[in-house]
PDB file of N, CA and C in Angstrom:
ATOM      1  N   UNK A   1     -12.158  34.546 -69.333  1.00  0.00           N
ATOM      2  CA  UNK A   1     -10.983  34.720 -68.246  1.00  0.00           C
ATOM      3  C   UNK A   1     -11.230  34.063 -66.934  1.00  0.00           C
ATOM      4  N   UNK A   2     -10.759  33.587 -66.552  1.00  0.00           N
ATOM      5  CA  UNK A   2     -11.274  33.494 -64.561  1.00  0.00           C
ATOM      6  C   UNK A   2     -10.173  33.646 -63.727  1.00  0.00           C
ATOM      7  N   UNK A   3     -10.216  35.070 -63.134  1.00  0.00           N
ATOM      8  CA  UNK A   3      -9.461  35.051 -61.966  1.00  0.00           C
ATOM      9  C   UNK A   3      -9.965  35.048 -60.334  1.00  0.00           C
ATOM     10  N   UNK A   4      -9.046  34.317 -59.862  1.00  0.00           N
ATOM     11  CA  UNK A   4      -9.795  33.741 -58.438  1.00  0.00           C
ATOM     12  C   UNK A   4      -9.792  34.601 -57.757  1.00  0.00           C
ATOM     13  N   UNK A   5     -10.664  34.476 -56.674  1.00  0.00           N
ATOM     14  CA  UNK A   5     -10.879  35.212 -55.541  1.00  0.00           C
ATOM     15  C   UNK A   5      -9.738  34.981 -54.457  1.00  0.00           C
ATOM     16  N   UNK A   6      -9.751  36.135 -53.312  1.00  0.00           N
ATOM     17  CA  UNK A   6      -8.432  36.117 -52.352  1.00  0.00           C
ATOM     18  C   UNK A   6      -8.639  34.601 -51.820  1.00  0.00           C
ATOM     19  N   UNK A   7      -9.668  34.347 -51.781  1.00  0.00           N
ATOM     20  CA  UNK A   7     -10.162  32.875 -50.454  1.00  0.00           C
ATOM     21  C   UNK A   7     -11.463  32.607 -51.093  1.00  0.00           C
ATOM     22  N   UNK A   8     -11.626  31.150 -50.714  1.00  0.00           N
ATOM     23  CA  UNK A   8     -12.919  30.678 -50.807  1.00  0.00           C
ATOM     24  C   UNK A   8     -13.419  30.384 -49.468  1.00  0.00           C
ATOM     25  N   UNK A   9     -14.659  29.908 -49.044  1.00  0.00           N
ATOM     26  CA  UNK A   9     -14.701  29.499 -47.613  1.00  0.00           C
ATOM     27  C   UNK A   9     -15.484  28.129 -48.189  1.00  0.00           C
ATOM     28  N   UNK A  10     -15.606  27.064 -47.622  1.00  0.00           N
ATOM     29  CA  UNK A  10     -15.837  25.845 -48.066  1.00  0.00           C
ATOM     30  C   UNK A  10     -17.101  25.555 -46.880  1.00  0.00           C
ATOM     31  N   UNK A  11     -18.611  25.126 -46.725  1.00  0.00           N
ATOM     32  CA  UNK A  11     -18.977  24.588 -45.553  1.00  0.00           C
ATOM     33  C   UNK A  11     -19.260  23.545 -45.899  1.00  0.00           C
ATOM     34  N   UNK A  12     -18.768  22.301 -45.307  1.00  0.00           N
ATOM     35  CA  UNK A  12     -18.692  20.813 -45.726  1.00  0.00           C
ATOM     36  C   UNK A  12     -19.497  20.108 -44.506  1.00  0.00           C
ATOM     37  N   UNK A  13     -20.951  19.343 -45.734  1.00  0.00           N
ATOM     38  CA  UNK A  13     -21.750  19.027 -44.907  1.00  0.00           C
ATOM     39  C   UNK A  13     -22.260  17.704 -45.467  1.00  0.00           C
ATOM     40  N   UNK A  14     -23.039  16.287 -44.341  1.00  0.00           N
ATOM     41  CA  UNK A  14     -23.767  15.650 -45.587  1.00  0.00           C
ATOM     42  C   UNK A  14     -25.049  15.148 -44.449  1.00  0.00           C
ATOM     43  N   UNK A  15     -25.757  14.323 -44.890  1.00  0.00           N
ATOM     44  CA  UNK A  15     -26.569  14.137 -44.587  1.00  0.00           C
ATOM     45  C   UNK A  15     -26.306  12.992 -43.763  1.00  0.00           C
ATOM     46  N   UNK A  16     -25.994  11.782 -44.070  1.00  0.00           N
ATOM     47  CA  UNK A  16     -25.453  10.659 -43.024  1.00  0.00           C
ATOM     48  C   UNK A  16     -25.644  10.635 -41.746  1.00  0.00           C
ATOM     49  N   UNK A  17     -26.015  10.028 -40.580  1.00  0.00           N
ATOM     50  CA  UNK A  17     -26.132  10.229 -38.988  1.00  0.00           C
ATOM     51  C   UNK A  17     -24.517   9.455 -38.962  1.00  0.00           C
ATOM     52  N   UNK A  18     -23.461   9.727 -39.163  1.00  0.00           N
ATOM     53  CA  UNK A  18     -22.101   8.984 -38.578  1.00  0.00           C
ATOM     54  C   UNK A  18     -21.266  10.107 -38.424  1.00  0.00           C
ATOM     55  N   UNK A  19     -20.413  10.037 -37.280  1.00  0.00           N
ATOM     56  CA  UNK A  19     -19.557  10.495 -36.584  1.00  0.00           C
ATOM     57  C   UNK A  19     -18.233  10.516 -37.801  1.00  0.00           C
ATOM     58  N   UNK A  20     -17.314  11.226 -38.116  1.00  0.00           N
ATOM     59  CA  UNK A  20     -16.454  10.951 -38.216  1.00  0.00           C
ATOM     60  C   UNK A  20     -15.349  10.915 -37.345  1.00  0.00           C
ATOM     61  N   UNK A  21     -14.442   9.850 -37.576  1.00  0.00           N
ATOM     62  CA  UNK A  21     -13.257   9.990 -36.961  1.00  0.00           C
ATOM     63  C   UNK A  21     -12.307  10.393 -36.363  1.00  0.00           C
ATOM     64  N   UNK A  22     -11.911  11.109 -35.202  1.00  0.00           N
ATOM     65  CA  UNK A  22     -10.704  12.122 -34.842  1.00  0.00           C
ATOM     66  C   UNK A  22      -9.511  12.139 -35.823  1.00  0.00           C
ATOM     67  N   UNK A  23      -9.173  11.071 -36.699  1.00  0.00           N
ATOM     68  CA  UNK A  23      -8.136  11.490 -37.233  1.00  0.00           C
ATOM     69  C   UNK A  23      -8.829  11.670 -39.276  1.00  0.00           C
ATOM     70  N   UNK A  24      -9.784  12.147 -39.302  1.00  0.00           N
ATOM     71  CA  UNK A  24     -10.598  11.769 -40.825  1.00  0.00           C
ATOM     72  C   UNK A  24      -9.790  13.601 -41.246  1.00  0.00           C
ATOM     73  N   UNK A  25      -9.571  13.802 -42.564  1.00  0.00           N
ATOM     74  CA  UNK A  25      -8.989  14.216 -43.153  1.00  0.00           C
ATOM     75  C   UNK A  25      -9.857  14.856 -44.566  1.00  0.00           C
ATOM     76  N   UNK A  26     -10.092  16.226 -44.614  1.00  0.00           N
ATOM     77  CA  UNK A  26     -10.887  16.834 -45.850  1.00  0.00           C
ATOM     78  C   UNK A  26      -9.558  17.500 -46.975  1.00  0.00           C
ATOM     79  N   UNK A  27      -9.563  16.591 -48.316  1.00  0.00           N
ATOM     80  CA  UNK A  27      -8.684  17.098 -49.452  1.00  0.00           C
ATOM     81  C   UNK A  27      -9.963  17.957 -49.867  1.00  0.00           C
ATOM     82  N   UNK A  28      -9.214  19.167 -50.446  1.00  0.00           N
ATOM     83  CA  UNK A  28     -10.321  20.456 -51.183  1.00  0.00           C
ATOM     84  C   UNK A  28      -9.443  20.595 -52.658  1.00  0.00           C
ATOM     85  N   UNK A  29      -9.690  20.300 -54.126  1.00  0.00           N
ATOM     86  CA  UNK A  29      -9.013  20.410 -54.991  1.00  0.00           C
ATOM     87  C   UNK A  29      -9.714  21.807 -55.825  1.00  0.00           C
ATOM     88  N   UNK A  30      -9.395  22.529 -56.797  1.00  0.00           N
ATOM     89  CA  UNK A  30      -9.497  23.447 -57.367  1.00  0.00           C
ATOM     90  C   UNK A  30      -9.251  22.825 -58.985  1.00  0.00           C
ATOM     91  N   UNK A  31      -9.775  22.559 -60.158  1.00  0.00           N
ATOM     92  CA  UNK A  31      -9.550  21.789 -60.799  1.00  0.00           C
ATOM     93  C   UNK A  31     -10.422  23.046 -62.004  1.00  0.00           C
ATOM     94  N   UNK A  32      -9.570  22.931 -63.263  1.00  0.00           N
ATOM     95  CA  UNK A  32      -9.892  23.414 -64.430  1.00  0.00           C
ATOM     96  C   UNK A  32     -10.666  22.436 -65.429  1.00  0.00           C
ATOM     97  N   UNK A  33     -12.166  22.746 -65.011  1.00  0.00           N
ATOM     98  CA  UNK A  33     -13.138  22.042 -65.913  1.00  0.00           C
ATOM     99  C   UNK A  33     -13.401  21.161 -64.718  1.00  0.00           C
ATOM    100  N   UNK A  34     -14.561  20.674 -65.238  1.00  0.00           N
ATOM    101  CA  UNK A  34     -15.232  19.298 -64.241  1.00  0.00           C
ATOM    102  C   UNK A  34     -15.273  17.525 -64.914  1.00  0.00           C
ATOM    103  N   UNK A  35     -14.139  17.162 -65.618  1.00  0.00           N
ATOM    104  CA  UNK A  35     -14.025  15.979 -66.286  1.00  0.00           C
ATOM    105  C   UNK A  35     -13.005  15.122 -65.225  1.00  0.00           C
ATOM    106  N   UNK A  36     -13.241  14.020 -65.243  1.00  0.00           N
ATOM    107  CA  UNK A  36     -12.319  13.110 -64.271  1.00  0.00           C
ATOM    108  C   UNK A  36     -10.528  13.524 -64.642  1.00  0.00           C
ATOM    109  N   UNK A  37      -9.796  13.925 -65.308  1.00  0.00           N
ATOM    110  CA  UNK A  37      -9.289  14.000 -65.911  1.00  0.00           C
ATOM    111  C   UNK A  37      -8.461  15.665 -66.073  1.00  0.00           C
ATOM    112  N   UNK A  38      -9.384  16.396 -65.184  1.00  0.00           N
ATOM    113  CA  UNK A  38      -9.343  17.817 -65.336  1.00  0.00           C
ATOM    114  C   UNK A  38      -7.869  18.402 -64.414  1.00  0.00           C
ATOM    115  N   UNK A  39      -7.225  19.188 -64.962  1.00  0.00           N
ATOM    116  CA  UNK A  39      -6.210  19.814 -64.452  1.00  0.00           C
ATOM    117  C   UNK A  39      -5.953  20.301 -62.999  1.00  0.00           C
ATOM    118  N   UNK A  40      -5.327  19.744 -62.156  1.00  0.00           N
ATOM    119  CA  UNK A  40      -5.601  20.308 -60.687  1.00  0.00           C
ATOM    120  C   UNK A  40      -4.576  22.184 -61.029  1.00  0.00           C
ATOM    121  N   UNK A  41      -5.301  22.906 -60.003  1.00  0.00           N
ATOM    122  CA  UNK A  41      -4.561  24.080 -60.168  1.00  0.00           C
ATOM    123  C   UNK A  41      -4.178  24.603 -58.897  1.00  0.00           C
ATOM    124  N   UNK A  42      -4.979  23.953 -57.528  1.00  0.00           N
ATOM    125  CA  UNK A  42      -4.750  24.194 -56.232  1.00  0.00           C
ATOM    126  C   UNK A  42      -5.294  22.861 -55.234  1.00  0.00           C
ATOM    127  N   UNK A  43      -4.630  22.817 -54.534  1.00  0.00           N
ATOM    128  CA  UNK A  43      -4.761  21.814 -53.437  1.00  0.00           C
ATOM    129  C   UNK A  43      -4.675  22.345 -52.130  1.00  0.00           C
ATOM    130  N   UNK A  44      -5.866  21.964 -50.880  1.00  0.00           N
ATOM    131  CA  UNK A  44      -5.628  22.070 -49.520  1.00  0.00           C
ATOM    132  C   UNK A  44      -6.260  20.813 -48.895  1.00  0.00           C
ATOM    133  N   UNK A  45      -5.679  20.762 -47.408  1.00  0.00           N
ATOM    134  CA  UNK A  45      -6.362  19.745 -46.744  1.00  0.00           C
ATOM    135  C   UNK A  45      -6.693  20.264 -44.833  1.00  0.00           C
ATOM    136  N   UNK A  46      -7.146  19.695 -44.546  1.00  0.00           N
ATOM    137  CA  UNK A  46      -7.648  20.107 -43.727  1.00  0.00           C
ATOM    138  C   UNK A  46      -8.090  19.031 -42.684  1.00  0.00           C
ATOM    139  N   UNK A  47      -6.953  18.651 -41.300  1.00  0.00           N
ATOM    140  CA  UNK A  47      -7.413  17.546 -40.608  1.00  0.00           C
ATOM    141  C   UNK A  47      -8.575  18.091 -39.476  1.00  0.00           C
ATOM    142  N   UNK A  48      -9.280  17.010 -39.337  1.00  0.00           N
ATOM    143  CA  UNK A  48     -10.685  17.613 -38.488  1.00  0.00           C
ATOM    144  C   UNK A  48     -10.524  17.677 -37.028  1.00  0.00           C
ATOM    145  N   UNK A  49      -9.759  16.994 -36.458  1.00  0.00           N
ATOM    146  CA  UNK A  49      -9.060  16.317 -34.991  1.00  0.00           C
ATOM    147  C   UNK A  49      -9.769  16.065 -34.452  1.00  0.00           C
ATOM    148  N   UNK A  50     -11.374  15.842 -34.556  1.00  0.00           N
ATOM    149  CA  UNK A  50     -12.626  15.561 -33.886  1.00  0.00           C
ATOM    150  C   UNK A  50     -14.053  16.330 -33.999  1.00  0.00           C
ATOM    151  N   UNK A  51     -13.590  17.120 -35.027  1.00  0.00           N
ATOM    152  CA  UNK A  51     -14.513  18.221 -35.560  1.00  0.00           C
ATOM    153  C   UNK A  51     -15.665  17.556 -36.372  1.00  0.00           C
ATOM    154  N   UNK A  52     -17.059  18.271 -36.040  1.00  0.00           N
ATOM    155  CA  UNK A  52     -18.028  16.906 -37.115  1.00  0.00           C
ATOM    156  C   UNK A  52     -18.537  17.988 -38.046  1.00  0.00           C
ATOM    157  N   UNK A  53     -19.172  18.092 -39.021  1.00  0.00           N
ATOM    158  CA  UNK A  53     -20.117  18.614 -40.099  1.00  0.00           C
ATOM    159  C   UNK A  53     -21.095  19.598 -39.039  1.00  0.00           C
ATOM    160  N   UNK A  54     -21.362  20.795 -39.518  1.00  0.00           N
ATOM    161  CA  UNK A  54     -20.870  21.150 -40.793  1.00  0.00           C
ATOM    162  C   UNK A  54     -19.220  21.544 -40.439  1.00  0.00           C
ATOM    163  N   UNK A  55     -18.395  21.280 -41.407  1.00  0.00           N
ATOM    164  CA  UNK A  55     -17.090  21.775 -41.031  1.00  0.00           C
ATOM    165  C   UNK A  55     -16.402  23.198 -42.100  1.00  0.00           C
ATOM    166  N   UNK A  56     -16.025  23.685 -41.590  1.00  0.00           N
ATOM    167  CA  UNK A  56     -15.717  25.261 -42.614  1.00  0.00           C
ATOM    168  C   UNK A  56     -14.668  25.219 -42.827  1.00  0.00           C
ATOM    169  N   UNK A  57     -13.753  25.094 -43.740  1.00  0.00           N
ATOM    170  CA  UNK A  57     -12.261  25.059 -44.197  1.00  0.00           C
ATOM    171  C   UNK A  57     -12.655  26.413 -45.215  1.00  0.00           C
ATOM    172  N   UNK A  58     -11.133  27.018 -45.206  1.00  0.00           N
ATOM    173  CA  UNK A  58     -11.122  28.335 -45.964  1.00  0.00           C
ATOM    174  C   UNK A  58      -9.758  28.177 -46.825  1.00  0.00           C
ATOM    175  N   UNK A  59      -9.590  27.959 -48.069  1.00  0.00           N
ATOM    176  CA  UNK A  59      -8.995  28.240 -49.074  1.00  0.00           C
ATOM    177  C   UNK A  59      -8.461  29.379 -49.175  1.00  0.00           C
ATOM    178  N   UNK A  60      -7.415  29.522 -48.825  1.00  0.00           N
ATOM    179  CA  UNK A  60      -6.674  30.884 -48.934  1.00  0.00           C
ATOM    180  C   UNK A  60      -5.522  30.758 -49.830  1.00  0.00           C
ATOM    181  N   UNK A  61      -5.031  31.625 -50.188  1.00  0.00           N
ATOM    182  CA  UNK A  61      -3.445  31.971 -50.919  1.00  0.00           C
ATOM    183  C   UNK A  61      -3.943  31.068 -52.445  1.00  0.00           C
ATOM    184  N   UNK A  62      -5.272  31.361 -53.235  1.00  0.00           N
ATOM    185  CA  UNK A  62      -5.414  30.685 -54.628  1.00  0.00           C
ATOM    186  C   UNK A  62      -4.519  31.347 -55.492  1.00  0.00           C
ATOM    187  N   UNK A  63      -4.312  30.286 -56.199  1.00  0.00           N
ATOM    188  CA  UNK A  63      -3.146  30.586 -57.583  1.00  0.00           C
ATOM    189  C   UNK A  63      -4.171  31.868 -58.089  1.00  0.00           C
ATOM    190  N   UNK A  64      -3.551  32.822 -59.064  1.00  0.00           N
ATOM    191  CA  UNK A  64      -4.616  33.692 -59.880  1.00  0.00           C
ATOM    192  C   UNK A  64      -4.432  33.049 -61.696  1.00  0.00           C
ATOM    193  N   UNK A  65      -5.456  32.268 -61.624  1.00  0.00           N
ATOM    194  CA  UNK A  65      -5.703  31.617 -63.268  1.00  0.00           C
ATOM    195  C   UNK A  65      -6.645  32.095 -63.887  1.00  0.00           C
ATOM    196  N   UNK A  66      -5.614  32.073 -65.250  1.00  0.00           N
ATOM    197  CA  UNK A  66      -6.480  33.176 -66.381  1.00  0.00           C
ATOM    198  C   UNK A  66      -6.091  32.313 -67.459  1.00  0.00           C
ATOM    199  N   UNK A  67      -7.737  31.520 -67.615  1.00  0.00           N
ATOM    200  CA  UNK A  67      -7.727  30.825 -68.924  1.00  0.00           C
ATOM    201  C   UNK A  67      -9.281  30.871 -69.218  1.00  0.00           C
ATOM    202  N   UNK A  68      -9.635  30.253 -70.437  1.00  0.00           N
ATOM    203  CA  UNK A  68     -10.965  29.866 -71.039  1.00  0.00           C
ATOM    204  C   UNK A  68     -12.108  28.774 -69.934  1.00  0.00           C
ATOM    205  N   UNK A  69     -11.449  27.848 -69.273  1.00  0.00           N
ATOM    206  CA  UNK A  69     -11.675  26.720 -68.728  1.00  0.00           C
ATOM    207  C   UNK A  69     -12.847  27.369 -67.417  1.00  0.00           C
ATOM    208  N   UNK A  70     -13.578  26.907 -67.437  1.00  0.00           N
ATOM    209  CA  UNK A  70     -14.486  27.102 -65.751  1.00  0.00           C
ATOM    210  C   UNK A  70     -13.639  26.564 -64.572  1.00  0.00           C
ATOM    211  N   UNK A  71     -13.315  27.207 -63.358  1.00  0.00           N
ATOM    212  CA  UNK A  71     -12.902  25.777 -62.535  1.00  0.00           C
ATOM    213  C   UNK A  71     -13.919  25.625 -61.453  1.00  0.00           C
ATOM    214  N   UNK A  72     -13.338  24.585 -60.895  1.00  0.00           N
ATOM    215  CA  UNK A  72     -14.511  23.905 -59.810  1.00  0.00           C
ATOM    216  C   UNK A  72     -13.898  23.590 -58.878  1.00  0.00           C
ATOM    217  N   UNK A  73     -14.619  23.031 -57.570  1.00  0.00           N
ATOM    218  CA  UNK A  73     -14.156  22.816 -56.517  1.00  0.00           C
ATOM    219  C   UNK A  73     -14.591  21.170 -56.206  1.00  0.00           C
ATOM    220  N   UNK A  74     -13.688  20.447 -55.405  1.00  0.00           N
ATOM    221  CA  UNK A  74     -13.899  18.802 -55.711  1.00  0.00           C
ATOM    222  C   UNK A  74     -13.234  18.696 -54.153  1.00  0.00           C
ATOM    223  N   UNK A  75     -13.925  17.522 -53.680  1.00  0.00           N
ATOM    224  CA  UNK A  75     -13.705  17.559 -52.178  1.00  0.00           C
ATOM    225  C   UNK A  75     -13.828  16.517 -51.439  1.00  0.00           C
ATOM    226  N   UNK A  76     -13.274  15.785 -51.097  1.00  0.00           N
ATOM    227  CA  UNK A  76     -12.880  14.009 -50.484  1.00  0.00           C
ATOM    228  C   UNK A  76     -12.409  14.394 -48.926  1.00  0.00           C
ATOM    229  N   UNK A  77     -13.342  13.532 -48.240  1.00  0.00           N
ATOM    230  CA  UNK A  77     -13.061  12.904 -46.784  1.00  0.00           C
ATOM    231  C   UNK A  77     -12.332  11.806 -46.985  1.00  0.00           C
ATOM    232  N   UNK A  78     -11.564  11.733 -46.110  1.00  0.00           N
ATOM    233  CA  UNK A  78     -10.394  10.489 -46.000  1.00  0.00           C
ATOM    234  C   UNK A  78     -10.649  10.455 -44.590  1.00  0.00           C
ATOM    235  N   UNK A  79     -10.165   8.791 -44.291  1.00  0.00           N
ATOM    236  CA  UNK A  79     -10.266   8.433 -43.047  1.00  0.00           C
ATOM    237  C   UNK A  79      -9.534   7.207 -43.091  1.00  0.00           C
ATOM    238  N   UNK A  80      -7.882   7.115 -42.628  1.00  0.00           N
ATOM    239  CA  UNK A  80      -6.934   6.633 -42.621  1.00  0.00           C
ATOM    240  C   UNK A  80      -6.849   5.758 -43.839  1.00  0.00           C
ATOM    241  N   UNK A  81      -6.644   7.187 -45.186  1.00  0.00           N
ATOM    242  CA  UNK A  81      -6.192   6.910 -46.423  1.00  0.00           C
ATOM    243  C   UNK A  81      -7.028   6.242 -47.092  1.00  0.00           C
ATOM    244  N   UNK A  82      -8.340   5.994 -46.601  1.00  0.00           N
ATOM    245  CA  UNK A  82      -9.405   5.633 -47.171  1.00  0.00           C
ATOM    246  C   UNK A  82     -10.734   6.581 -47.859  1.00  0.00           C
ATOM    247  N   UNK A  83     -11.287   7.005 -48.948  1.00  0.00           N
ATOM    248  CA  UNK A  83     -12.199   7.980 -49.058  1.00  0.00           C
ATOM    249  C   UNK A  83     -13.631   7.303 -48.585  1.00  0.00           C
ATOM    250  N   UNK A  84     -13.893   8.262 -47.802  1.00  0.00           N
ATOM    251  CA  UNK A  84     -15.353   7.917 -47.097  1.00  0.00           C
ATOM    252  C   UNK A  84     -16.381   8.566 -47.808  1.00  0.00           C
ATOM    253  N   UNK A  85     -16.586  10.095 -48.472  1.00  0.00           N
ATOM    254  CA  UNK A  85     -16.908  11.374 -48.650  1.00  0.00           C
ATOM    255  C   UNK A  85     -16.551  11.773 -49.944  1.00  0.00           C
ATOM    256  N   UNK A  86     -17.437  11.986 -50.857  1.00  0.00           N
ATOM    257  CA  UNK A  86     -17.053  12.639 -51.775  1.00  0.00           C
ATOM    258  C   UNK A  86     -18.311  13.772 -52.333  1.00  0.00           C
ATOM    259  N   UNK A  87     -17.531  14.585 -53.086  1.00  0.00           N
ATOM    260  CA  UNK A  87     -18.282  15.710 -53.812  1.00  0.00           C
ATOM    261  C   UNK A  87     -19.285  14.924 -54.896  1.00  0.00           C
ATOM    262  N   UNK A  88     -20.646  15.021 -54.958  1.00  0.00           N
ATOM    263  CA  UNK A  88     -21.079  13.935 -56.127  1.00  0.00           C
ATOM    264  C   UNK A  88     -21.160  14.968 -57.442  1.00  0.00           C
ATOM    265  N   UNK A  89     -20.671  15.758 -57.147  1.00  0.00           N
ATOM    266  CA  UNK A  89     -20.781  16.387 -58.348  1.00  0.00           C
ATOM    267  C   UNK A  89     -19.784  17.823 -58.650  1.00  0.00           C
ATOM    268  N   UNK A  90     -18.208  18.251 -59.069  1.00  0.00           N
ATOM    269  CA  UNK A  90     -17.589  18.843 -58.545  1.00  0.00           C
ATOM    270  C   UNK A  90     -18.754  20.495 -58.658  1.00  0.00           C
ATOM    271  N   UNK A  91     -17.865  21.259 -57.728  1.00  0.00           N
ATOM    272  CA  UNK A  91     -19.019  22.529 -58.135  1.00  0.00           C
ATOM    273  C   UNK A  91     -18.221  23.851 -58.655  1.00  0.00           C
ATOM    274  N   UNK A  92     -19.282  24.433 -59.658  1.00  0.00           N
ATOM    275  CA  UNK A  92     -18.238  25.851 -60.115  1.00  0.00           C
ATOM    276  C   UNK A  92     -18.126  26.896 -59.652  1.00  0.00           C
ATOM    277  N   UNK A  93     -17.006  27.624 -59.591  1.00  0.00           N
ATOM    278  CA  UNK A  93     -16.768  28.890 -58.665  1.00  0.00           C
ATOM    279  C   UNK A  93     -17.060  29.968 -59.969  1.00  0.00           C
ATOM    280  N   UNK A  94     -17.564  30.844 -59.095  1.00  0.00           N
ATOM    281  CA  UNK A  94     -17.595  31.949 -59.975  1.00  0.00           C
ATOM    282  C   UNK A  94     -16.526  32.920 -59.811  1.00  0.00           C
ATOM    283  N   UNK A  95     -16.605  33.814 -60.506  1.00  0.00           N
ATOM    284  CA  UNK A  95     -15.206  34.858 -61.237  1.00  0.00           C
ATOM    285  C   UNK A  95     -15.631  35.923 -59.870  1.00  0.00           C
ATOM    286  N   UNK A  96     -14.450  36.574 -59.195  1.00  0.00           N
ATOM    287  CA  UNK A  96     -13.973  37.787 -58.523  1.00  0.00           C
ATOM    288  C   UNK A  96     -14.681  37.209 -57.366  1.00  0.00           C
ATOM    289  N   UNK A  97     -15.290  38.421 -56.427  1.00  0.00           N
ATOM    290  CA  UNK A  97     -14.968  38.377 -54.867  1.00  0.00           C
ATOM    291  C   UNK A  97     -15.024  37.158 -54.225  1.00  0.00           C
ATOM    292  N   UNK A  98     -14.665  37.063 -52.653  1.00  0.00           N
ATOM    293  CA  UNK A  98     -14.567  35.782 -52.019  1.00  0.00           C
ATOM    294  C   UNK A  98     -15.710  35.162 -52.234  1.00  0.00           C
ATOM    295  N   UNK A  99     -15.941  34.102 -51.947  1.00  0.00           N
ATOM    296  CA  UNK A  99     -17.250  33.011 -51.966  1.00  0.00           C
ATOM    297  C   UNK A  99     -17.222  32.038 -50.655  1.00  0.00           C
ATOM    298  N   UNK A 100     -18.480  31.645 -50.612  1.00  0.00           N
ATOM    299  CA  UNK A 100     -18.664  30.933 -49.571  1.00  0.00           C
ATOM    300  C   UNK A 100     -19.963  29.837 -50.053  1.00  0.00           C
ATOM    301  N   UNK A 101     -18.847  28.850 -50.171  1.00  0.00           N
ATOM    302  CA  UNK A 101     -19.685  27.247 -50.826  1.00  0.00           C
ATOM    303  C   UNK A 101     -20.127  26.777 -49.825  1.00  0.00           C
ATOM    304  N   UNK A 102     -21.501  26.215 -49.880  1.00  0.00           N
ATOM    305  CA  UNK A 102     -22.071  25.242 -49.237  1.00  0.00           C
ATOM    306  C   UNK A 102     -22.145  24.216 -49.767  1.00  0.00           C
ATOM    307  N   UNK A 103     -21.225  22.683 -49.793  1.00  0.00           N
ATOM    308  CA  UNK A 103     -20.433  21.443 -50.153  1.00  0.00           C
ATOM    309  C   UNK A 103     -21.358  20.400 -49.621  1.00  0.00           C
ATOM    310  N   UNK A 104     -22.181  19.664 -50.001  1.00  0.00           N
ATOM    311  CA  UNK A 104     -22.613  18.375 -49.551  1.00  0.00           C
ATOM    312  C   UNK A 104     -21.682  17.460 -49.842  1.00  0.00           C
ATOM    313  N   UNK A 105     -21.489  16.945 -49.007  1.00  0.00           N
ATOM    314  CA  UNK A 105     -20.698  15.944 -49.822  1.00  0.00           C
ATOM    315  C   UNK A 105     -21.775  14.139 -49.408  1.00  0.00           C
ATOM    316  N   UNK A 106     -21.070  13.255 -50.307  1.00  0.00           N
ATOM    317  CA  UNK A 106     -21.923  11.761 -50.084  1.00  0.00           C
ATOM    318  C   UNK A 106     -20.716  10.894 -49.796  1.00  0.00           C
ATOM    319  N   UNK A 107     -21.760   9.838 -49.657  1.00  0.00           N
ATOM    320  CA  UNK A 107     -20.453   8.441 -48.931  1.00  0.00           C
ATOM    321  C   UNK A 107     -19.891   7.781 -50.527  1.00  0.00           C
ATOM    322  N   UNK A 108     -18.778   7.524 -50.261  1.00  0.00           N
ATOM    323  CA  UNK A 108     -17.938   6.877 -51.533  1.00  0.00           C
ATOM    324  C   UNK A 108     -18.539   5.553 -51.833  1.00  0.00           C
ATOM    325  N   UNK A 109     -18.085   5.328 -52.692  1.00  0.00           N
ATOM    326  CA  UNK A 109     -18.925   3.698 -52.899  1.00  0.00           C
ATOM    327  C   UNK A 109     -17.657   3.150 -53.277  1.00  0.00           C
TER     328      UNK A 109
END
């Protein structure tokens, strides 16, 4: 059984030396399981408004989820509707207290 924390803080970074355009948007999903077709149980978005990495994103108002599936966070960075960066592998969330996760995204192919 998993019961989500009240909030999760993501610190999003990438290695490439490239600036995000002013209109970039970050989408974070919480999913049941780590497969491509895992059920999405929460979604948040953040307009970067010119901010550059590392970017902090707080996922507040998390749904209370009780199930046997582990939960994962998946992050994508969009620029003008196109995916620029993605998490190479969804990150597993732990149970309980508020968490801070270091999320390194990689260039989408």
